[in-house]
Amino acid sequence: MPEKFTRAFAERLDGICDVNVKEAQDGDGVIPGVALIAPGDYHMQLRRDGARYYVRLDKGERVFHQRPSVDVLFNSVAEYAGRNATGIIMTGMGADGAKGLLEMKEAGARTLAQDEENCVVFGMPKEAIKLGAADKIVSLDKISETMLRGLYAQN
């Protein structure tokens, strides 16, 4: 996600989504009903202080030539949230996120990948599926239902 694009992207999503969407700022709390978008050119990582989850932003090394990187985020979710998390990887180019999703699964998180039929670009989900990182492979129109309605049964 390029710098300056993410703020406009978050504002656009905020106008059309049922949840609030915002570009993350360092230290923002992770709370129900709010989706945080990593700012362009910053990695976003999950941290925990007692029962409070929050995000840290940094300009660490690029991963797969990316900053923000999905792997950086997913690795931190595996470390700090483990089985309290659900990881979902959707359409996208390359392998970023595949190893991080596997880390989440190994830490006890529930993991989903978007199916090939409904992906614009099947790269990221394909790599995650090849690694065995996805517990379930789900069509785009079933992802939220699978995650939110309890239809997901962890293996």
Foldseek 3Di string as FASTA:
>chain_A
DAAPVQQVVQVVCCVPDPAREGADDAFAWDDPRYHYDDGHQWAWAWDDDPPIIGIHIDNDDADVNGVHFLLRHLQRCLVHPQLVAEEEEEADAAATNQVSLQSSVVSNHAYEYEDPVQHPHCHHSVNNVVVVSHPYYYHPVCVCVCPPVVVPDGD
